[in-house]
Amino acid sequence: MNTPASTRRTSLLRLPAAIAMGVLAFAGIGPHASATGPDDAGPKPTIVLVHGSFADASGFDEVIQRLQALGYTTLAPSNPLRTLASDAAYIRSVLDTVEGPIVVVAHSYGGMVVTNAATGHPGVQALVYINGFAPADGETASDLAYRFPGSMIVPENLTVRPYPATVPDAAGQEAYINADVFHEAFAADLDAETTAAMAAAQRPIDLATLEQPSGPPAWETIPSWFVIGTKDNTIPPELHRFMAERADAVATVELDGSHVVMMSQPDAVVDVIVEAAAGPEA
């Protein structure tokens, strides 16, 4: 596995909370599941991983396996990708079922969601942005994505399809990355066979979500760590650096990789998550 190229220090569907916690614990992923390593005296934070658009939680599989081997309870909910407000409300409802400290890890558009979902949450002790948006109050994903040149997520590289209304007169349009550019745009450091399957199975995002403004950001009060793929063709690396500096990140780690460095370099990404779990004073 590659190591960091450089390091700069700089609901359950609406079930009642008690039932939700019990189901999570039974599955071995909830607040009552074991979260201690063999040599640890106390509990570890629960790691909640939030995926972005054009993907799903399976992109965290290699990271989850490594975190679980280290004794961390992990939870990777499905991000709805419908509206920023409803996505954030859903992820916050998941956070509300977790007892004890939480480290929230966000990839791509998942950063928009987490920046809102974690604001003021008493359990969240750290944020980790993996090639993720970290918006300021009032910013949209579109505002950020094109602030610096380099994104391949442009209209000519997208297929847009209508989807049925979830409320009257509110039919939406959702976007997919075209299969012929998916490899280069999203995951150029993975093999072509893997990215072809990812392109076929990608989760689309409602286009209107990209124009919806963010609220007060969690990173203003919660310590944050940033992982940047220096060959990210989805969100330009220069934007990641800008957001990390603005957030006064505890650490910024740059990896020679694509938008999905959690898949191509899971060991390096896990190292950052473990550092965040230990806290900024460790």
C-alpha atoms as a PDB file:
ATOM      1  CA  MET A   1       0.000   0.000   0.000  1.00  0.00           C
ATOM      2  CA  ASN A   2       1.129   3.543  -0.655  1.00  0.00           C
ATOM      3  CA  THR A   3       1.817   5.867   2.234  1.00  0.00           C
ATOM      4  CA  PRO A   4       1.013   9.589   2.380  1.00  0.00           C
ATOM      5  CA  ALA A   5       3.037  11.630  -0.095  1.00  0.00           C
ATOM      6  CA  SER A   6       3.166  14.497   2.357  1.00  0.00           C
ATOM      7  CA  THR A   7       1.634  15.505   5.651  1.00  0.00           C
ATOM      8  CA  ARG A   8       1.073  19.148   6.540  1.00  0.00           C
ATOM      9  CA  ARG A   9       0.163  19.935  10.158  1.00  0.00           C
ATOM     10  CA  THR A  10      -1.722  22.918   9.573  1.00  0.00           C
ATOM     11  CA  SER A  11     -32.870   5.696  10.979  1.00  0.00           C
ATOM     12  CA  LEU A  12     -33.008   2.664  11.154  1.00  0.00           C
ATOM     13  CA  LEU A  13     -36.282   3.885   9.608  1.00  0.00           C
ATOM     14  CA  ARG A  14     -37.762   6.147  12.372  1.00  0.00           C
ATOM     15  CA  LEU A  15     -37.888   3.385  14.959  1.00  0.00           C
ATOM     16  CA  PRO A  16     -38.018   4.569  18.567  1.00  0.00           C
ATOM     17  CA  ALA A  17     -34.495   5.247  19.806  1.00  0.00           C
ATOM     18  CA  ALA A  18     -34.416   2.316  22.231  1.00  0.00           C
ATOM     19  CA  ILE A  19     -35.461  -0.148  19.523  1.00  0.00           C
ATOM     20  CA  ALA A  20     -33.044   1.353  17.000  1.00  0.00           C
ATOM     21  CA  MET A  21     -30.134   0.995  19.420  1.00  0.00           C
ATOM     22  CA  GLY A  22     -31.087  -2.583  20.142  1.00  0.00           C
ATOM     23  CA  VAL A  23     -31.191  -3.519  16.467  1.00  0.00           C
ATOM     24  CA  LEU A  24     -27.835  -1.849  15.855  1.00  0.00           C
ATOM     25  CA  ALA A  25     -26.299  -3.673  18.798  1.00  0.00           C
ATOM     26  CA  PHE A  26     -27.685  -7.005  17.608  1.00  0.00           C
ATOM     27  CA  ALA A  27     -26.060  -6.374  14.223  1.00  0.00           C
ATOM     28  CA  GLY A  28     -22.734  -5.744  15.930  1.00  0.00           C
ATOM     29  CA  ILE A  29     -22.464  -2.191  14.674  1.00  0.00           C
ATOM     30  CA  GLY A  30     -24.298  -0.128  17.214  1.00  0.00           C
ATOM     31  CA  PRO A  31     -23.485   1.704  20.419  1.00  0.00           C
ATOM     32  CA  HIS A  32     -23.612  -1.408  22.557  1.00  0.00           C
ATOM     33  CA  ALA A  33     -21.340  -3.480  20.342  1.00  0.00           C
ATOM     34  CA  SER A  34     -17.795  -4.049  21.539  1.00  0.00           C
ATOM     35  CA  ALA A  35     -15.586  -1.095  20.651  1.00  0.00           C
ATOM     36  CA  THR A  36     -12.397  -1.955  22.485  1.00  0.00           C
ATOM     37  CA  GLY A  37      -9.236  -3.419  21.084  1.00  0.00           C
ATOM     38  CA  PRO A  38      -7.433  -6.285  22.822  1.00  0.00           C
ATOM     39  CA  ASP A  39      -4.919  -3.988  24.498  1.00  0.00           C
ATOM     40  CA  ASP A  40      -7.211  -1.046  25.257  1.00  0.00           C
ATOM     41  CA  ALA A  41      -8.554  -0.124  28.670  1.00  0.00           C
ATOM     42  CA  GLY A  42     -11.516   1.952  27.476  1.00  0.00           C
ATOM     43  CA  PRO A  43     -14.035   2.293  24.659  1.00  0.00           C
ATOM     44  CA  LYS A  44     -13.078   3.677  21.282  1.00  0.00           C
ATOM     45  CA  PRO A  45     -15.206   6.214  19.398  1.00  0.00           C
ATOM     46  CA  THR A  46     -17.762   4.875  16.970  1.00  0.00           C
ATOM     47  CA  ILE A  47     -16.749   5.650  13.379  1.00  0.00           C
ATOM     48  CA  VAL A  48     -19.636   6.790  11.154  1.00  0.00           C
ATOM     49  CA  LEU A  49     -18.769   6.868   7.445  1.00  0.00           C
ATOM     50  CA  VAL A  50     -20.907   8.918   5.046  1.00  0.00           C
ATOM     51  CA  HIS A  51     -20.607   8.358   1.298  1.00  0.00           C
ATOM     52  CA  GLY A  52     -21.176  10.937  -1.408  1.00  0.00           C
ATOM     53  CA  SER A  53     -22.859  11.059  -4.798  1.00  0.00           C
ATOM     54  CA  PHE A  54     -22.263   8.607  -7.671  1.00  0.00           C
ATOM     55  CA  ALA A  55     -21.316   5.987  -5.039  1.00  0.00           C
ATOM     56  CA  ASP A  56     -22.603   4.064  -2.055  1.00  0.00           C
ATOM     57  CA  ALA A  57     -21.303   2.857   1.295  1.00  0.00           C
ATOM     58  CA  SER A  58     -19.517  -0.124  -0.289  1.00  0.00           C
ATOM     59  CA  GLY A  59     -16.716   2.276  -1.207  1.00  0.00           C
ATOM     60  CA  PHE A  60     -15.733   2.149   2.469  1.00  0.00           C
ATOM     61  CA  ASP A  61     -15.492  -1.667   2.620  1.00  0.00           C
ATOM     62  CA  GLU A  62     -11.690  -1.851   2.858  1.00  0.00           C
ATOM     63  CA  VAL A  63     -11.614   0.944   5.438  1.00  0.00           C
ATOM     64  CA  ILE A  64     -14.353  -0.679   7.515  1.00  0.00           C
ATOM     65  CA  GLN A  65     -12.567  -4.035   7.580  1.00  0.00           C
ATOM     66  CA  ARG A  66      -9.386  -2.419   8.845  1.00  0.00           C
ATOM     67  CA  LEU A  67     -11.181  -0.310  11.462  1.00  0.00           C
ATOM     68  CA  GLN A  68     -13.076  -3.332  12.754  1.00  0.00           C
ATOM     69  CA  ALA A  69      -9.839  -5.305  12.994  1.00  0.00           C
ATOM     70  CA  LEU A  70      -8.534  -2.477  15.204  1.00  0.00           C
ATOM     71  CA  GLY A  71     -11.578  -2.766  17.448  1.00  0.00           C
ATOM     72  CA  TYR A  72     -13.612   0.200  16.215  1.00  0.00           C
ATOM     73  CA  THR A  73     -17.390   0.008  15.977  1.00  0.00           C
ATOM     74  CA  THR A  74     -18.306   1.251  12.502  1.00  0.00           C
ATOM     75  CA  LEU A  75     -21.524   2.385  10.857  1.00  0.00           C
ATOM     76  CA  ALA A  76     -21.900   3.319   7.176  1.00  0.00           C
ATOM     77  CA  PRO A  77     -25.462   4.490   6.518  1.00  0.00           C
ATOM     78  CA  SER A  78     -26.946   5.002   3.083  1.00  0.00           C
ATOM     79  CA  ASN A  79     -26.934   8.709   2.182  1.00  0.00           C
ATOM     80  CA  PRO A  80     -30.275   9.433   0.439  1.00  0.00           C
ATOM     81  CA  LEU A  81     -28.854  12.026  -2.049  1.00  0.00           C
ATOM     82  CA  ARG A  82     -32.217  13.766  -2.428  1.00  0.00           C
ATOM     83  CA  THR A  83     -31.924  17.209  -0.767  1.00  0.00           C
ATOM     84  CA  LEU A  84     -29.165  18.643   1.392  1.00  0.00           C
ATOM     85  CA  ALA A  85     -31.552  19.369   4.271  1.00  0.00           C
ATOM     86  CA  SER A  86     -33.180  15.932   4.263  1.00  0.00           C
ATOM     87  CA  ASP A  87     -29.862  14.116   3.764  1.00  0.00           C
ATOM     88  CA  ALA A  88     -28.388  15.981   6.751  1.00  0.00           C
ATOM     89  CA  ALA A  89     -31.476  15.303   8.874  1.00  0.00           C
ATOM     90  CA  TYR A  90     -31.255  11.601   8.071  1.00  0.00           C
ATOM     91  CA  ILE A  91     -27.559  11.318   8.929  1.00  0.00           C
ATOM     92  CA  ARG A  92     -28.117  13.282  12.145  1.00  0.00           C
ATOM     93  CA  SER A  93     -30.867  10.823  13.081  1.00  0.00           C
ATOM     94  CA  VAL A  94     -28.295   8.045  12.741  1.00  0.00           C
ATOM     95  CA  LEU A  95     -25.810   9.949  14.912  1.00  0.00           C
ATOM     96  CA  ASP A  96     -28.530  10.347  17.531  1.00  0.00           C
ATOM     97  CA  THR A  97     -28.714   6.550  17.970  1.00  0.00           C
ATOM     98  CA  VAL A  98     -25.020   6.266  18.863  1.00  0.00           C
ATOM     99  CA  GLU A  99     -23.939   6.448  22.492  1.00  0.00           C
ATOM    100  CA  GLY A 100     -20.495   7.751  23.354  1.00  0.00           C
ATOM    101  CA  PRO A 101     -18.005   9.674  21.222  1.00  0.00           C
ATOM    102  CA  ILE A 102     -18.268   9.656  17.435  1.00  0.00           C
ATOM    103  CA  VAL A 103     -15.822  10.331  14.615  1.00  0.00           C
ATOM    104  CA  VAL A 104     -17.665  11.225  11.419  1.00  0.00           C
ATOM    105  CA  VAL A 105     -15.901  10.470   8.128  1.00  0.00           C
ATOM    106  CA  ALA A 106     -17.233  12.042   4.929  1.00  0.00           C
ATOM    107  CA  HIS A 107     -16.405  11.449   1.291  1.00  0.00           C
ATOM    108  CA  SER A 108     -17.203  13.867  -1.564  1.00  0.00           C
ATOM    109  CA  TYR A 109     -20.778  15.276  -1.319  1.00  0.00           C
ATOM    110  CA  GLY A 110     -20.971  13.448   2.006  1.00  0.00           C
ATOM    111  CA  GLY A 111     -18.937  16.368   3.321  1.00  0.00           C
ATOM    112  CA  MET A 112     -21.808  18.751   2.532  1.00  0.00           C
ATOM    113  CA  VAL A 113     -24.127  16.489   4.515  1.00  0.00           C
ATOM    114  CA  VAL A 114     -21.824  15.940   7.490  1.00  0.00           C
ATOM    115  CA  THR A 115     -20.944  19.637   7.745  1.00  0.00           C
ATOM    116  CA  ASN A 116     -24.635  20.210   8.474  1.00  0.00           C
ATOM    117  CA  ALA A 117     -25.572  16.985  10.280  1.00  0.00           C
ATOM    118  CA  ALA A 118     -22.801  17.229  12.893  1.00  0.00           C
ATOM    119  CA  THR A 119     -23.233  20.908  13.779  1.00  0.00           C
ATOM    120  CA  GLY A 120     -23.833  21.184  17.506  1.00  0.00           C
ATOM    121  CA  HIS A 121     -24.071  17.424  17.972  1.00  0.00           C
ATOM    122  CA  PRO A 122     -22.761  16.602  21.456  1.00  0.00           C
ATOM    123  CA  GLY A 123     -21.371  13.198  20.504  1.00  0.00           C
ATOM    124  CA  VAL A 124     -19.221  14.166  17.528  1.00  0.00           C
ATOM    125  CA  GLN A 125     -15.622  14.717  18.586  1.00  0.00           C
ATOM    126  CA  ALA A 126     -13.884  14.791  15.192  1.00  0.00           C
ATOM    127  CA  LEU A 127     -14.549  15.148  11.478  1.00  0.00           C
ATOM    128  CA  VAL A 128     -12.538  13.527   8.683  1.00  0.00           C
ATOM    129  CA  TYR A 129     -13.052  14.819   5.147  1.00  0.00           C
ATOM    130  CA  ILE A 130     -11.847  12.396   2.451  1.00  0.00           C
ATOM    131  CA  ASN A 131     -11.833  14.407  -0.775  1.00  0.00           C
ATOM    132  CA  GLY A 132     -14.975  15.917   0.720  1.00  0.00           C
ATOM    133  CA  PHE A 133     -16.724  19.254   0.529  1.00  0.00           C
ATOM    134  CA  ALA A 134     -16.408  21.380   3.674  1.00  0.00           C
ATOM    135  CA  PRO A 135     -18.731  24.304   2.919  1.00  0.00           C
ATOM    136  CA  ALA A 136     -19.061  27.567   4.786  1.00  0.00           C
ATOM    137  CA  ASP A 137     -22.464  28.943   5.757  1.00  0.00           C
ATOM    138  CA  GLY A 138     -24.453  29.745   2.605  1.00  0.00           C
ATOM    139  CA  GLU A 139     -22.186  27.936   0.127  1.00  0.00           C
ATOM    140  CA  THR A 140     -23.485  25.319  -2.291  1.00  0.00           C
ATOM    141  CA  ALA A 141     -21.745  22.293  -3.780  1.00  0.00           C
ATOM    142  CA  SER A 142     -21.757  24.034  -7.156  1.00  0.00           C
ATOM    143  CA  ASP A 143     -20.215  27.173  -5.647  1.00  0.00           C
ATOM    144  CA  LEU A 144     -17.300  25.099  -4.425  1.00  0.00           C
ATOM    145  CA  ALA A 145     -16.887  22.536  -7.213  1.00  0.00           C
ATOM    146  CA  TYR A 146     -16.035  25.115  -9.862  1.00  0.00           C
ATOM    147  CA  ARG A 147     -14.165  27.651  -7.732  1.00  0.00           C
ATOM    148  CA  PHE A 148     -10.931  26.111  -9.012  1.00  0.00           C
ATOM    149  CA  PRO A 149     -10.424  24.469 -12.434  1.00  0.00           C
ATOM    150  CA  GLY A 150     -10.098  20.735 -12.898  1.00  0.00           C
ATOM    151  CA  SER A 151     -13.423  19.030 -12.168  1.00  0.00           C
ATOM    152  CA  MET A 152     -14.637  16.577 -14.801  1.00  0.00           C
ATOM    153  CA  ILE A 153     -18.142  16.620 -13.312  1.00  0.00           C
ATOM    154  CA  VAL A 154     -19.470  18.928 -16.009  1.00  0.00           C
ATOM    155  CA  PRO A 155     -22.744  18.725 -17.987  1.00  0.00           C
ATOM    156  CA  GLU A 156     -21.273  16.941 -21.003  1.00  0.00           C
ATOM    157  CA  ASN A 157     -19.985  14.133 -18.769  1.00  0.00           C
ATOM    158  CA  LEU A 158     -23.320  13.529 -17.051  1.00  0.00           C
ATOM    159  CA  THR A 159     -26.499  11.662 -17.909  1.00  0.00           C
ATOM    160  CA  VAL A 160     -29.595  13.240 -16.380  1.00  0.00           C
ATOM    161  CA  ARG A 161     -32.761  11.217 -15.845  1.00  0.00           C
ATOM    162  CA  PRO A 162     -36.121  12.225 -14.380  1.00  0.00           C
ATOM    163  CA  TYR A 163     -37.404  10.328 -11.370  1.00  0.00           C
ATOM    164  CA  PRO A 164     -40.928  10.152  -9.913  1.00  0.00           C
ATOM    165  CA  ALA A 165     -42.163  12.782  -7.498  1.00  0.00           C
ATOM    166  CA  THR A 166     -41.912  11.975  -3.807  1.00  0.00           C
ATOM    167  CA  VAL A 167     -44.368  14.805  -3.116  1.00  0.00           C
ATOM    168  CA  PRO A 168     -46.945  16.297  -5.532  1.00  0.00           C
ATOM    169  CA  ASP A 169     -45.505  18.445  -8.321  1.00  0.00           C
ATOM    170  CA  ALA A 170     -41.935  17.808  -7.207  1.00  0.00           C
ATOM    171  CA  ALA A 171     -40.547  15.391  -9.773  1.00  0.00           C
ATOM    172  CA  GLY A 172     -36.784  15.592  -9.796  1.00  0.00           C
ATOM    173  CA  GLN A 173     -33.833  15.104 -12.090  1.00  0.00           C
ATOM    174  CA  GLU A 174     -30.920  12.968 -11.020  1.00  0.00           C
ATOM    175  CA  ALA A 175     -27.415  12.839 -12.453  1.00  0.00           C
ATOM    176  CA  TYR A 176     -25.048   9.971 -13.229  1.00  0.00           C
ATOM    177  CA  ILE A 177     -21.463  10.150 -14.472  1.00  0.00           C
ATOM    178  CA  ASN A 178     -21.270   8.792 -18.030  1.00  0.00           C
ATOM    179  CA  ALA A 179     -19.750   5.325 -18.150  1.00  0.00           C
ATOM    180  CA  ASP A 180     -17.150   6.292 -20.751  1.00  0.00           C
ATOM    181  CA  VAL A 181     -15.549   8.892 -18.446  1.00  0.00           C
ATOM    182  CA  PHE A 182     -16.296   7.364 -15.034  1.00  0.00           C
ATOM    183  CA  HIS A 183     -12.855   5.767 -14.679  1.00  0.00           C
ATOM    184  CA  GLU A 184     -10.908   8.954 -15.398  1.00  0.00           C
ATOM    185  CA  ALA A 185     -13.281  11.315 -13.615  1.00  0.00           C
ATOM    186  CA  PHE A 186     -13.885   9.350 -10.435  1.00  0.00           C
ATOM    187  CA  ALA A 187     -11.476   6.489  -9.841  1.00  0.00           C
ATOM    188  CA  ALA A 188      -8.476   6.601 -12.193  1.00  0.00           C
ATOM    189  CA  ASP A 189      -6.230   4.674  -9.782  1.00  0.00           C
ATOM    190  CA  LEU A 190      -8.522   1.621  -9.739  1.00  0.00           C
ATOM    191  CA  ASP A 191      -8.595  -1.030 -12.458  1.00  0.00           C
ATOM    192  CA  ALA A 192     -10.972  -0.637 -15.383  1.00  0.00           C
ATOM    193  CA  GLU A 193     -13.026  -3.728 -14.498  1.00  0.00           C
ATOM    194  CA  THR A 194     -13.741  -2.399 -11.005  1.00  0.00           C
ATOM    195  CA  THR A 195     -14.690   1.064 -12.227  1.00  0.00           C
ATOM    196  CA  ALA A 196     -16.962  -0.354 -14.936  1.00  0.00           C
ATOM    197  CA  ALA A 197     -18.923  -2.124 -12.203  1.00  0.00           C
ATOM    198  CA  MET A 198     -18.930   1.047 -10.076  1.00  0.00           C
ATOM    199  CA  ALA A 199     -20.276   3.069 -13.014  1.00  0.00           C
ATOM    200  CA  ALA A 200     -23.100   0.588 -13.533  1.00  0.00           C
ATOM    201  CA  ALA A 201     -24.047   0.597  -9.845  1.00  0.00           C
ATOM    202  CA  GLN A 202     -23.552   4.291  -9.057  1.00  0.00           C
ATOM    203  CA  ARG A 203     -26.081   6.103  -6.871  1.00  0.00           C
ATOM    204  CA  PRO A 204     -27.334   9.275  -8.615  1.00  0.00           C
ATOM    205  CA  ILE A 205     -27.829  12.618  -6.885  1.00  0.00           C
ATOM    206  CA  ASP A 206     -30.740  15.004  -7.367  1.00  0.00           C
ATOM    207  CA  LEU A 207     -29.326  17.895  -9.380  1.00  0.00           C
ATOM    208  CA  ALA A 208     -31.186  20.471  -7.286  1.00  0.00           C
ATOM    209  CA  THR A 209     -29.209  19.345  -4.233  1.00  0.00           C
ATOM    210  CA  LEU A 210     -26.044  20.823  -5.725  1.00  0.00           C
ATOM    211  CA  GLU A 211     -27.601  24.314  -5.601  1.00  0.00           C
ATOM    212  CA  GLN A 212     -28.914  24.151  -2.025  1.00  0.00           C
ATOM    213  CA  PRO A 213     -27.043  26.340   0.501  1.00  0.00           C
ATOM    214  CA  SER A 214     -25.261  24.881   3.484  1.00  0.00           C
ATOM    215  CA  GLY A 215     -25.910  26.013   7.044  1.00  0.00           C
ATOM    216  CA  PRO A 216     -23.577  26.832   9.959  1.00  0.00           C
ATOM    217  CA  PRO A 217     -20.608  24.465   9.528  1.00  0.00           C
ATOM    218  CA  ALA A 218     -19.655  21.785  12.024  1.00  0.00           C
ATOM    219  CA  TRP A 219     -15.953  22.343  11.317  1.00  0.00           C
ATOM    220  CA  GLU A 220     -16.111  25.730  13.040  1.00  0.00           C
ATOM    221  CA  THR A 221     -16.404  24.006  16.435  1.00  0.00           C
ATOM    222  CA  ILE A 222     -15.308  20.383  15.836  1.00  0.00           C
ATOM    223  CA  PRO A 223     -11.657  19.466  15.054  1.00  0.00           C
ATOM    224  CA  SER A 224     -11.246  18.322  11.468  1.00  0.00           C
ATOM    225  CA  TRP A 225      -8.778  16.266   9.441  1.00  0.00           C
ATOM    226  CA  PHE A 226      -8.518  16.344   5.630  1.00  0.00           C
ATOM    227  CA  VAL A 227      -7.345  13.643   3.220  1.00  0.00           C
ATOM    228  CA  ILE A 228      -6.628  14.966  -0.272  1.00  0.00           C
ATOM    229  CA  GLY A 229      -6.126  12.924  -3.423  1.00  0.00           C
ATOM    230  CA  THR A 230      -3.692  14.962  -5.484  1.00  0.00           C
ATOM    231  CA  LYS A 231      -5.119  13.444  -8.698  1.00  0.00           C
ATOM    232  CA  ASP A 232      -8.780  14.012  -7.815  1.00  0.00           C
ATOM    233  CA  ASN A 233     -10.615  14.785 -11.065  1.00  0.00           C
ATOM    234  CA  THR A 234     -13.996  15.130  -9.367  1.00  0.00           C
ATOM    235  CA  ILE A 235     -13.249  17.861  -6.817  1.00  0.00           C
ATOM    236  CA  PRO A 236     -10.050  19.802  -7.587  1.00  0.00           C
ATOM    237  CA  PRO A 237      -7.225  19.268  -5.061  1.00  0.00           C
ATOM    238  CA  GLU A 238      -6.715  23.034  -4.840  1.00  0.00           C
ATOM    239  CA  LEU A 239     -10.238  23.365  -3.487  1.00  0.00           C
ATOM    240  CA  HIS A 240      -9.539  20.699  -0.855  1.00  0.00           C
ATOM    241  CA  ARG A 241      -6.457  22.635   0.264  1.00  0.00           C
ATOM    242  CA  PHE A 242      -8.469  25.857   0.419  1.00  0.00           C
ATOM    243  CA  MET A 243     -11.192  24.252   2.537  1.00  0.00           C
ATOM    244  CA  ALA A 244      -8.691  22.552   4.863  1.00  0.00           C
ATOM    245  CA  GLU A 245      -6.876  25.814   5.504  1.00  0.00           C
ATOM    246  CA  ARG A 246     -10.138  27.666   6.055  1.00  0.00           C
ATOM    247  CA  ALA A 247     -11.271  25.029   8.547  1.00  0.00           C
ATOM    248  CA  ASP A 248      -7.944  25.278  10.397  1.00  0.00           C
ATOM    249  CA  ALA A 249      -7.541  21.531   9.996  1.00  0.00           C
ATOM    250  CA  VAL A 250      -5.642  19.645  12.669  1.00  0.00           C
ATOM    251  CA  ALA A 251      -3.874  17.793   9.858  1.00  0.00           C
ATOM    252  CA  THR A 252      -4.000  17.636   6.077  1.00  0.00           C
ATOM    253  CA  VAL A 253      -2.672  14.486   4.428  1.00  0.00           C
ATOM    254  CA  GLU A 254      -2.049  14.405   0.686  1.00  0.00           C
ATOM    255  CA  LEU A 255      -2.078  11.088  -1.166  1.00  0.00           C
ATOM    256  CA  ASP A 256      -1.044  10.394  -4.738  1.00  0.00           C
ATOM    257  CA  GLY A 257      -4.486   9.173  -5.720  1.00  0.00           C
ATOM    258  CA  SER A 258      -7.899   9.785  -7.238  1.00  0.00           C
ATOM    259  CA  HIS A 259     -11.237  10.848  -5.774  1.00  0.00           C
ATOM    260  CA  VAL A 260     -11.629   7.418  -4.131  1.00  0.00           C
ATOM    261  CA  VAL A 261      -8.394   7.164  -2.141  1.00  0.00           C
ATOM    262  CA  MET A 262     -10.303   5.254   0.565  1.00  0.00           C
ATOM    263  CA  MET A 263     -10.537   2.429  -1.980  1.00  0.00           C
ATOM    264  CA  SER A 264      -7.074   2.694  -3.546  1.00  0.00           C
ATOM    265  CA  GLN A 265      -5.132   3.501  -0.350  1.00  0.00           C
ATOM    266  CA  PRO A 266      -7.249   2.296   2.596  1.00  0.00           C
ATOM    267  CA  ASP A 267      -4.303   1.870   4.976  1.00  0.00           C
ATOM    268  CA  ALA A 268      -3.297   5.518   4.667  1.00  0.00           C
ATOM    269  CA  VAL A 269      -6.896   6.666   5.103  1.00  0.00           C
ATOM    270  CA  VAL A 270      -7.363   4.476   8.187  1.00  0.00           C
ATOM    271  CA  ASP A 271      -4.210   5.989   9.697  1.00  0.00           C
ATOM    272  CA  VAL A 272      -5.842   9.435   9.519  1.00  0.00           C
ATOM    273  CA  ILE A 273      -9.141   8.189  10.977  1.00  0.00           C
ATOM    274  CA  VAL A 274      -7.306   6.536  13.883  1.00  0.00           C
ATOM    275  CA  GLU A 275      -5.396   9.773  14.494  1.00  0.00           C
ATOM    276  CA  ALA A 276      -8.688  11.696  14.550  1.00  0.00           C
ATOM    277  CA  ALA A 277     -10.166   9.145  16.947  1.00  0.00           C
ATOM    278  CA  ALA A 278      -7.266   9.748  19.321  1.00  0.00           C
ATOM    279  CA  GLY A 279      -7.979  13.483  19.280  1.00  0.00           C
ATOM    280  CA  PRO A 280      -5.963  16.589  18.416  1.00  0.00           C
ATOM    281  CA  GLU A 281      -3.857  16.401  21.583  1.00  0.00           C
ATOM    282  CA  ALA A 282      -2.641  12.837  20.964  1.00  0.00           C
END
